[in-house]
Amino acid sequence: MAQASARHILVESEDTCNELKAQIQGGEDFAKLAQDHSKCPSGRNGGDLGSFRPGQMVPEFDKVVFSAPLNEVQGPVKTQFGYHLLEVTERQD
């Protein structure tokens, strides 16, 4: 069964999400930005969500995590929790 590892940054607005994405693309450290800005408890760990299987996260999240290229920041992805930047760090099919 498929399994993936990912990290994310959760914020309240799409604008903030886009600003953080631009900072990451400009060389800022994803983990540091997650620690400073993420509303999710995973932010303390640099946004690391660990390993999970399809169906363990909300559908919008799964769709990106199980299809996006590895190690490329995706987003903003809107869910019921807010706006996410996602980075798939590992995936096994």
N, C-alpha and C. Protein backbone atom coordinates (compact mmCIF):
# COMPACT_ATOMS: atom_id res chain seq x y z
N MET A 1 0.83 -1.18 0.00
CA MET A 1 0.00 0.00 0.00
C MET A 1 0.88 1.25 0.00
N ALA A 2 0.41 2.28 -0.68
CA ALA A 2 1.17 3.53 -0.78
C ALA A 2 1.37 4.15 0.59
N GLN A 3 2.48 4.85 0.71
CA GLN A 3 2.82 5.54 1.95
C GLN A 3 3.67 6.75 1.58
N ALA A 4 3.53 7.83 2.33
CA ALA A 4 4.31 9.03 2.04
C ALA A 4 4.74 9.70 3.33
N SER A 5 5.77 10.50 3.22
CA SER A 5 6.20 11.40 4.29
C SER A 5 6.18 12.80 3.71
N ALA A 6 5.74 13.75 4.52
CA ALA A 6 5.65 15.12 4.04
C ALA A 6 5.82 16.09 5.20
N ARG A 7 6.03 17.33 4.83
CA ARG A 7 6.02 18.39 5.82
C ARG A 7 5.15 19.51 5.26
N HIS A 8 4.63 20.33 6.16
CA HIS A 8 3.74 21.39 5.69
C HIS A 8 3.82 22.61 6.60
N ILE A 9 3.29 23.70 6.07
CA ILE A 9 3.11 24.93 6.83
C ILE A 9 1.63 25.27 6.69
N LEU A 10 0.96 25.47 7.80
CA LEU A 10 -0.46 25.81 7.81
C LEU A 10 -0.63 27.25 8.27
N VAL A 11 -1.29 28.05 7.45
CA VAL A 11 -1.57 29.44 7.79
C VAL A 11 -3.03 29.75 7.49
N GLU A 12 -3.50 30.92 7.94
CA GLU A 12 -4.91 31.25 7.81
C GLU A 12 -5.28 31.88 6.48
N SER A 13 -4.33 32.51 5.78
CA SER A 13 -4.70 33.20 4.55
C SER A 13 -3.87 32.73 3.35
N GLU A 14 -4.50 32.81 2.19
CA GLU A 14 -3.83 32.45 0.95
C GLU A 14 -2.66 33.40 0.68
N ASP A 15 -2.85 34.69 1.01
CA ASP A 15 -1.77 35.66 0.81
C ASP A 15 -0.53 35.30 1.61
N THR A 16 -0.72 34.97 2.89
CA THR A 16 0.41 34.57 3.72
C THR A 16 1.08 33.33 3.16
N CYS A 17 0.28 32.40 2.70
CA CYS A 17 0.80 31.16 2.12
C CYS A 17 1.68 31.48 0.90
N ASN A 18 1.19 32.36 0.04
CA ASN A 18 1.96 32.74 -1.15
C ASN A 18 3.25 33.47 -0.78
N GLU A 19 3.18 34.32 0.25
CA GLU A 19 4.38 35.04 0.71
C GLU A 19 5.44 34.06 1.21
N LEU A 20 5.01 33.07 1.99
CA LEU A 20 5.95 32.08 2.52
C LEU A 20 6.54 31.23 1.39
N LYS A 21 5.70 30.89 0.43
CA LYS A 21 6.20 30.10 -0.71
C LYS A 21 7.28 30.87 -1.47
N ALA A 22 7.06 32.17 -1.66
CA ALA A 22 8.05 33.00 -2.34
C ALA A 22 9.35 33.05 -1.54
N GLN A 23 9.25 33.11 -0.22
CA GLN A 23 10.45 33.12 0.62
C GLN A 23 11.22 31.81 0.49
N ILE A 24 10.50 30.69 0.46
CA ILE A 24 11.14 29.39 0.31
C ILE A 24 11.83 29.30 -1.05
N GLN A 25 11.13 29.74 -2.09
CA GLN A 25 11.72 29.72 -3.43
C GLN A 25 12.92 30.65 -3.53
N GLY A 26 12.96 31.65 -2.65
CA GLY A 26 14.09 32.58 -2.61
C GLY A 26 15.24 32.09 -1.74
N GLY A 27 15.10 30.89 -1.17
CA GLY A 27 16.20 30.31 -0.41
C GLY A 27 15.98 30.18 1.09
N GLU A 28 14.86 30.69 1.58
CA GLU A 28 14.58 30.56 3.02
C GLU A 28 14.37 29.09 3.38
N ASP A 29 14.64 28.74 4.62
CA ASP A 29 14.53 27.36 5.10
C ASP A 29 13.07 27.02 5.43
N PHE A 30 12.55 25.98 4.79
CA PHE A 30 11.16 25.53 5.00
C PHE A 30 10.91 25.27 6.47
N ALA A 31 11.77 24.51 7.11
CA ALA A 31 11.58 24.12 8.51
C ALA A 31 11.53 25.34 9.43
N LYS A 32 12.40 26.30 9.19
CA LYS A 32 12.42 27.51 10.01
C LYS A 32 11.13 28.30 9.84
N LEU A 33 10.67 28.44 8.60
CA LEU A 33 9.42 29.15 8.36
C LEU A 33 8.24 28.41 8.99
N ALA A 34 8.27 27.09 8.97
CA ALA A 34 7.20 26.31 9.62
C ALA A 34 7.21 26.58 11.12
N GLN A 35 8.38 26.60 11.72
CA GLN A 35 8.48 26.87 13.16
C GLN A 35 7.94 28.26 13.50
N ASP A 36 8.22 29.22 12.65
CA ASP A 36 7.85 30.61 12.92
C ASP A 36 6.40 30.95 12.58
N HIS A 37 5.81 30.23 11.61
CA HIS A 37 4.51 30.66 11.08
C HIS A 37 3.39 29.64 11.12
N SER A 38 3.69 28.36 11.16
CA SER A 38 2.64 27.34 11.04
C SER A 38 1.72 27.33 12.25
N LYS A 39 0.42 27.21 11.98
CA LYS A 39 -0.60 27.11 13.03
C LYS A 39 -0.79 25.68 13.51
N CYS A 40 -0.12 24.74 12.85
CA CYS A 40 -0.22 23.32 13.20
C CYS A 40 0.85 22.98 14.24
N PRO A 41 0.52 22.12 15.21
CA PRO A 41 1.54 21.70 16.18
C PRO A 41 2.80 21.12 15.53
N SER A 42 2.67 20.58 14.30
CA SER A 42 3.84 20.04 13.60
C SER A 42 4.88 21.12 13.29
N GLY A 43 4.49 22.37 13.36
CA GLY A 43 5.42 23.46 13.11
C GLY A 43 6.62 23.41 14.03
N ARG A 44 6.42 22.95 15.25
CA ARG A 44 7.54 22.83 16.20
C ARG A 44 8.62 21.90 15.66
N ASN A 45 8.22 20.95 14.82
CA ASN A 45 9.16 19.99 14.22
C ASN A 45 9.48 20.35 12.78
N GLY A 46 9.40 21.62 12.45
CA GLY A 46 9.70 22.04 11.09
C GLY A 46 8.63 21.66 10.10
N GLY A 47 7.43 21.38 10.59
CA GLY A 47 6.32 21.01 9.73
C GLY A 47 6.24 19.53 9.40
N ASP A 48 7.14 18.74 9.96
CA ASP A 48 7.20 17.31 9.65
C ASP A 48 5.95 16.58 10.13
N LEU A 49 5.29 15.91 9.21
CA LEU A 49 4.08 15.14 9.52
C LEU A 49 4.36 13.66 9.68
N GLY A 50 5.60 13.26 9.46
CA GLY A 50 5.92 11.85 9.54
C GLY A 50 5.37 11.09 8.35
N SER A 51 5.13 9.82 8.56
CA SER A 51 4.71 8.91 7.50
C SER A 51 3.22 8.60 7.64
N PHE A 52 2.52 8.53 6.51
CA PHE A 52 1.09 8.23 6.54
C PHE A 52 0.65 7.60 5.22
N ARG A 53 -0.53 7.00 5.26
CA ARG A 53 -1.10 6.31 4.09
C ARG A 53 -2.29 7.10 3.55
N PRO A 54 -2.71 6.81 2.31
CA PRO A 54 -3.89 7.47 1.77
C PRO A 54 -5.09 7.31 2.71
N GLY A 55 -5.83 8.40 2.88
CA GLY A 55 -7.01 8.36 3.72
C GLY A 55 -6.77 8.81 5.15
N GLN A 56 -5.52 8.97 5.54
CA GLN A 56 -5.22 9.41 6.91
C GLN A 56 -5.25 10.93 7.04
N MET A 57 -5.17 11.62 5.92
CA MET A 57 -5.23 13.08 5.90
C MET A 57 -6.49 13.50 5.14
N VAL A 58 -6.82 14.78 5.17
CA VAL A 58 -7.99 15.26 4.43
C VAL A 58 -7.78 15.03 2.94
N PRO A 59 -8.87 14.87 2.17
CA PRO A 59 -8.75 14.53 0.74
C PRO A 59 -7.89 15.51 -0.06
N GLU A 60 -8.01 16.81 0.20
CA GLU A 60 -7.22 17.80 -0.56
C GLU A 60 -5.73 17.59 -0.35
N PHE A 61 -5.38 17.19 0.84
CA PHE A 61 -4.00 16.92 1.22
C PHE A 61 -3.51 15.67 0.51
N ASP A 62 -4.28 14.60 0.62
CA ASP A 62 -3.92 13.32 -0.02
C ASP A 62 -3.69 13.49 -1.52
N LYS A 63 -4.57 14.23 -2.17
CA LYS A 63 -4.49 14.40 -3.62
C LYS A 63 -3.12 14.94 -4.02
N VAL A 64 -2.62 15.91 -3.28
CA VAL A 64 -1.32 16.50 -3.58
C VAL A 64 -0.19 15.57 -3.17
N VAL A 65 -0.26 15.06 -1.95
CA VAL A 65 0.84 14.26 -1.41
C VAL A 65 1.10 13.00 -2.23
N PHE A 66 0.05 12.39 -2.75
CA PHE A 66 0.24 11.14 -3.47
C PHE A 66 0.34 11.32 -4.99
N SER A 67 0.55 12.58 -5.43
CA SER A 67 0.74 12.80 -6.86
C SER A 67 1.86 13.80 -7.19
N ALA A 68 2.19 14.67 -6.27
CA ALA A 68 3.18 15.73 -6.53
C ALA A 68 4.60 15.17 -6.59
N PRO A 69 5.47 15.87 -7.32
CA PRO A 69 6.88 15.47 -7.33
C PRO A 69 7.48 15.60 -5.94
N LEU A 70 8.48 14.79 -5.67
CA LEU A 70 9.18 14.86 -4.39
C LEU A 70 9.99 16.14 -4.27
N ASN A 71 10.08 16.64 -3.04
CA ASN A 71 10.96 17.75 -2.69
C ASN A 71 10.68 19.04 -3.46
N GLU A 72 9.43 19.24 -3.87
CA GLU A 72 9.01 20.49 -4.49
C GLU A 72 7.85 21.04 -3.69
N VAL A 73 7.93 22.30 -3.31
CA VAL A 73 6.88 22.91 -2.50
C VAL A 73 5.63 23.11 -3.35
N GLN A 74 4.52 22.61 -2.83
CA GLN A 74 3.22 22.69 -3.50
C GLN A 74 2.30 23.60 -2.68
N GLY A 75 1.44 24.30 -3.36
CA GLY A 75 0.45 25.09 -2.65
C GLY A 75 0.38 26.50 -3.17
N PRO A 76 -0.55 27.25 -2.63
CA PRO A 76 -1.40 26.95 -1.49
C PRO A 76 -2.43 25.86 -1.79
N VAL A 77 -2.65 25.02 -0.79
CA VAL A 77 -3.68 23.99 -0.84
C VAL A 77 -4.68 24.34 0.26
N LYS A 78 -5.93 24.59 -0.14
CA LYS A 78 -6.95 24.98 0.83
C LYS A 78 -7.64 23.73 1.39
N THR A 79 -7.74 23.68 2.71
CA THR A 79 -8.51 22.63 3.39
C THR A 79 -9.40 23.31 4.44
N GLN A 80 -10.14 22.52 5.17
CA GLN A 80 -11.00 23.07 6.22
C GLN A 80 -10.18 23.74 7.33
N PHE A 81 -8.89 23.46 7.39
CA PHE A 81 -8.03 23.99 8.45
C PHE A 81 -7.38 25.32 8.08
N GLY A 82 -7.30 25.61 6.79
CA GLY A 82 -6.65 26.83 6.32
C GLY A 82 -5.91 26.56 5.01
N TYR A 83 -4.80 27.23 4.85
CA TYR A 83 -3.99 27.11 3.62
C TYR A 83 -2.66 26.47 3.95
N HIS A 84 -2.28 25.51 3.14
CA HIS A 84 -1.06 24.73 3.38
C HIS A 84 -0.05 24.91 2.25
N LEU A 85 1.22 24.91 2.64
CA LEU A 85 2.31 24.62 1.72
C LEU A 85 2.73 23.20 2.06
N LEU A 86 2.88 22.37 1.05
CA LEU A 86 3.24 20.97 1.25
C LEU A 86 4.53 20.64 0.51
N GLU A 87 5.30 19.79 1.13
CA GLU A 87 6.48 19.24 0.47
C GLU A 87 6.54 17.75 0.77
N VAL A 88 6.43 16.95 -0.27
CA VAL A 88 6.52 15.50 -0.12
C VAL A 88 8.00 15.16 -0.05
N THR A 89 8.40 14.53 1.04
CA THR A 89 9.82 14.21 1.23
C THR A 89 10.16 12.78 0.87
N GLU A 90 9.13 11.90 0.85
CA GLU A 90 9.35 10.49 0.53
C GLU A 90 8.02 9.87 0.16
N ARG A 91 8.05 8.92 -0.77
CA ARG A 91 6.82 8.23 -1.14
C ARG A 91 7.16 6.84 -1.65
N GLN A 92 6.37 5.86 -1.20
CA GLN A 92 6.50 4.49 -1.68
C GLN A 92 5.13 4.06 -2.21
N ASP A 93 5.13 3.49 -3.39
CA ASP A 93 3.86 3.04 -4.00
C ASP A 93 3.57 1.59 -3.71
